[in-house]
């Protein structure tokens, strides 16, 4: 199973973003971010290319990969 697409949708009148991760097996994972409305562009522009083609079950590996990619974008962790 591999990630084939990632979509981030900002909710109207809110800072919330819904994230959908699509796999080649037809499974769709859904997540949520409550942060800047600009997070949608980071997810689709910076993070999506990092996870497309990857195994979505390798959560730790993907989290580390994405964290390292955005660590300099204002993260305080």
N, C-alpha and C. Protein backbone atom coordinates (compact mmCIF):
# COMPACT_ATOMS: atom_id res chain seq x y z
N UNK A 1 0.85 -1.17 0.00
CA UNK A 1 0.00 0.00 0.00
C UNK A 1 0.90 1.23 0.00
N UNK A 2 0.54 2.20 -0.82
CA UNK A 2 1.30 3.44 -0.95
C UNK A 2 0.38 4.65 -0.96
N UNK A 3 0.90 5.78 -0.49
CA UNK A 3 0.17 7.05 -0.55
C UNK A 3 0.20 7.53 -1.99
N UNK A 4 -0.98 7.91 -2.51
CA UNK A 4 -1.05 8.42 -3.88
C UNK A 4 -1.45 9.89 -3.96
N UNK A 5 -2.06 10.41 -2.89
CA UNK A 5 -2.46 11.81 -2.91
C UNK A 5 -2.71 12.30 -1.49
N UNK A 6 -2.57 13.60 -1.31
CA UNK A 6 -2.86 14.26 -0.03
C UNK A 6 -3.60 15.55 -0.36
N UNK A 7 -4.72 15.77 0.31
CA UNK A 7 -5.49 17.00 0.11
C UNK A 7 -5.76 17.65 1.46
N UNK A 8 -5.60 18.95 1.50
CA UNK A 8 -5.86 19.72 2.71
C UNK A 8 -6.94 20.74 2.39
N UNK A 9 -7.98 20.76 3.20
CA UNK A 9 -9.11 21.66 2.98
C UNK A 9 -9.32 22.53 4.21
N UNK A 10 -9.22 23.83 4.01
CA UNK A 10 -9.50 24.76 5.10
C UNK A 10 -11.00 24.88 5.32
N UNK A 11 -11.41 24.88 6.57
CA UNK A 11 -12.82 25.02 6.88
C UNK A 11 -13.19 26.50 6.97
N UNK A 12 -14.28 26.88 6.36
CA UNK A 12 -14.72 28.27 6.33
C UNK A 12 -14.92 28.82 7.74
N UNK A 13 -14.58 30.07 7.92
CA UNK A 13 -14.75 30.77 9.19
C UNK A 13 -14.00 30.09 10.34
N UNK A 14 -12.86 29.47 10.02
CA UNK A 14 -12.14 28.70 11.03
C UNK A 14 -10.66 28.66 10.69
N UNK A 15 -9.84 28.31 11.66
CA UNK A 15 -8.42 28.06 11.41
C UNK A 15 -8.17 26.56 11.26
N UNK A 16 -9.23 25.78 11.22
CA UNK A 16 -9.10 24.33 11.10
C UNK A 16 -8.88 23.89 9.66
N UNK A 17 -8.08 22.85 9.51
CA UNK A 17 -7.82 22.24 8.21
C UNK A 17 -8.05 20.74 8.33
N UNK A 18 -8.79 20.18 7.39
CA UNK A 18 -8.99 18.73 7.32
C UNK A 18 -8.01 18.19 6.28
N UNK A 19 -7.28 17.13 6.65
CA UNK A 19 -6.30 16.53 5.76
C UNK A 19 -6.76 15.13 5.41
N UNK A 20 -6.77 14.82 4.11
CA UNK A 20 -7.13 13.49 3.64
C UNK A 20 -5.93 12.88 2.92
N UNK A 21 -5.58 11.65 3.31
CA UNK A 21 -4.47 10.93 2.70
C UNK A 21 -5.06 9.73 1.96
N UNK A 22 -4.82 9.67 0.66
CA UNK A 22 -5.38 8.63 -0.20
C UNK A 22 -4.32 7.58 -0.52
N UNK A 23 -4.72 6.31 -0.51
CA UNK A 23 -3.79 5.24 -0.85
C UNK A 23 -4.20 4.55 -2.14
N UNK A 24 -3.27 3.79 -2.70
CA UNK A 24 -3.56 3.04 -3.92
C UNK A 24 -4.51 1.87 -3.68
N UNK A 25 -4.77 1.53 -2.42
CA UNK A 25 -5.73 0.50 -2.08
C UNK A 25 -7.14 1.06 -1.90
N UNK A 26 -7.30 2.37 -2.09
CA UNK A 26 -8.60 2.99 -1.95
C UNK A 26 -8.94 3.40 -0.52
N UNK A 27 -8.00 3.27 0.38
CA UNK A 27 -8.21 3.69 1.77
C UNK A 27 -7.91 5.18 1.88
N UNK A 28 -8.76 5.88 2.63
CA UNK A 28 -8.56 7.32 2.85
C UNK A 28 -8.43 7.55 4.35
N UNK A 29 -7.30 8.12 4.74
CA UNK A 29 -7.09 8.51 6.13
C UNK A 29 -7.47 9.96 6.28
N UNK A 30 -8.05 10.31 7.41
CA UNK A 30 -8.48 11.69 7.65
C UNK A 30 -7.85 12.20 8.93
N UNK A 31 -7.31 13.42 8.85
CA UNK A 31 -6.71 14.06 10.01
C UNK A 31 -7.17 15.50 10.10
N UNK A 32 -6.73 16.18 11.15
CA UNK A 32 -7.19 17.53 11.42
C UNK A 32 -6.04 18.36 11.97
N UNK A 33 -5.97 19.59 11.56
CA UNK A 33 -4.99 20.53 12.10
C UNK A 33 -5.72 21.80 12.50
N UNK A 34 -5.45 22.29 13.68
CA UNK A 34 -6.03 23.54 14.13
C UNK A 34 -4.89 24.52 14.29
N UNK A 35 -4.67 25.31 13.25
CA UNK A 35 -3.53 26.20 13.23
C UNK A 35 -3.77 27.28 12.19
N UNK A 36 -2.72 27.90 11.75
CA UNK A 36 -2.82 28.96 10.75
C UNK A 36 -3.54 28.47 9.49
N UNK A 37 -4.35 29.31 8.88
CA UNK A 37 -5.00 28.91 7.63
C UNK A 37 -3.99 28.59 6.52
N UNK A 38 -2.77 29.05 6.67
CA UNK A 38 -1.73 28.82 5.67
C UNK A 38 -1.15 27.41 5.75
N UNK A 39 -1.52 26.66 6.77
CA UNK A 39 -1.00 25.30 6.92
C UNK A 39 -1.39 24.44 5.73
N UNK A 40 -2.52 24.75 5.11
CA UNK A 40 -2.95 24.00 3.93
C UNK A 40 -1.88 24.02 2.84
N UNK A 41 -1.28 25.18 2.63
CA UNK A 41 -0.28 25.32 1.58
C UNK A 41 1.01 24.59 1.94
N UNK A 42 1.33 24.52 3.21
CA UNK A 42 2.51 23.77 3.66
C UNK A 42 2.27 22.28 3.46
N UNK A 43 1.07 21.82 3.81
CA UNK A 43 0.75 20.39 3.66
C UNK A 43 0.81 19.99 2.19
N UNK A 44 0.13 20.73 1.33
CA UNK A 44 0.07 20.34 -0.07
C UNK A 44 1.35 20.69 -0.85
N UNK A 45 2.04 21.73 -0.43
CA UNK A 45 3.23 22.15 -1.16
C UNK A 45 4.52 21.52 -0.69
N UNK A 46 4.70 21.42 0.63
CA UNK A 46 5.96 20.93 1.18
C UNK A 46 5.91 19.48 1.67
N UNK A 47 4.79 19.10 2.26
CA UNK A 47 4.72 17.77 2.86
C UNK A 47 4.22 16.68 1.91
N UNK A 48 3.27 17.01 1.08
CA UNK A 48 2.72 16.02 0.15
C UNK A 48 3.80 15.32 -0.68
N UNK A 49 4.75 16.05 -1.28
CA UNK A 49 5.78 15.37 -2.07
C UNK A 49 6.64 14.40 -1.25
N UNK A 50 6.70 14.62 0.05
CA UNK A 50 7.49 13.74 0.91
C UNK A 50 6.81 12.41 1.20
N UNK A 51 5.48 12.38 1.14
CA UNK A 51 4.77 11.16 1.51
C UNK A 51 4.18 10.39 0.34
N UNK A 52 3.96 11.05 -0.80
CA UNK A 52 3.43 10.32 -1.97
C UNK A 52 4.45 9.24 -2.36
N UNK A 53 3.94 8.03 -2.50
CA UNK A 53 4.79 6.89 -2.84
C UNK A 53 5.27 6.11 -1.63
N UNK A 54 5.05 6.66 -0.44
CA UNK A 54 5.49 6.00 0.80
C UNK A 54 4.40 5.09 1.37
N UNK A 55 4.81 4.19 2.25
CA UNK A 55 3.89 3.31 2.97
C UNK A 55 3.25 4.11 4.10
N UNK A 56 1.93 4.31 4.09
CA UNK A 56 1.28 5.13 5.12
C UNK A 56 1.31 4.49 6.51
N UNK A 57 1.64 3.22 6.59
CA UNK A 57 1.70 2.56 7.89
C UNK A 57 3.02 2.81 8.61
N UNK A 58 3.99 3.39 7.92
CA UNK A 58 5.28 3.73 8.55
C UNK A 58 5.19 5.12 9.17
N UNK A 59 4.31 5.24 10.15
CA UNK A 59 3.96 6.53 10.74
C UNK A 59 5.19 7.24 11.33
N UNK A 60 5.99 6.56 12.09
CA UNK A 60 7.16 7.18 12.70
C UNK A 60 8.13 7.73 11.67
N UNK A 61 8.39 6.95 10.65
CA UNK A 61 9.30 7.38 9.58
C UNK A 61 8.75 8.61 8.88
N UNK A 62 7.45 8.59 8.56
CA UNK A 62 6.85 9.73 7.86
C UNK A 62 6.79 10.97 8.74
N UNK A 63 6.47 10.78 10.02
CA UNK A 63 6.43 11.92 10.94
C UNK A 63 7.80 12.59 11.00
N UNK A 64 8.85 11.80 11.15
CA UNK A 64 10.21 12.35 11.24
C UNK A 64 10.58 13.08 9.95
N UNK A 65 10.26 12.49 8.83
CA UNK A 65 10.56 13.09 7.53
C UNK A 65 9.86 14.45 7.38
N UNK A 66 8.58 14.49 7.74
CA UNK A 66 7.83 15.74 7.62
C UNK A 66 8.29 16.78 8.65
N UNK A 67 8.56 16.34 9.87
CA UNK A 67 9.01 17.26 10.91
C UNK A 67 10.31 17.95 10.49
N UNK A 68 11.24 17.16 10.00
CA UNK A 68 12.53 17.73 9.58
C UNK A 68 12.36 18.72 8.44
N UNK A 69 11.40 18.48 7.57
CA UNK A 69 11.18 19.37 6.42
C UNK A 69 10.64 20.73 6.83
N UNK A 70 9.87 20.80 7.93
CA UNK A 70 9.25 22.06 8.32
C UNK A 70 9.80 22.64 9.62
N UNK A 71 10.78 22.01 10.20
CA UNK A 71 11.31 22.45 11.50
C UNK A 71 11.77 23.91 11.48
N UNK A 72 12.27 24.38 10.36
CA UNK A 72 12.74 25.76 10.28
C UNK A 72 11.66 26.76 9.90
N UNK A 73 10.43 26.33 9.79
CA UNK A 73 9.33 27.20 9.37
C UNK A 73 8.57 27.81 10.54
N UNK A 74 9.20 27.91 11.68
CA UNK A 74 8.53 28.53 12.80
C UNK A 74 8.18 27.57 13.91
N UNK A 75 8.50 26.30 13.75
CA UNK A 75 8.25 25.32 14.80
C UNK A 75 9.11 25.66 16.01
N UNK A 76 8.52 25.57 17.17
CA UNK A 76 9.26 25.87 18.40
C UNK A 76 9.66 24.62 19.14
N UNK A 77 9.40 23.47 18.55
CA UNK A 77 9.72 22.20 19.23
C UNK A 77 11.16 21.82 18.97
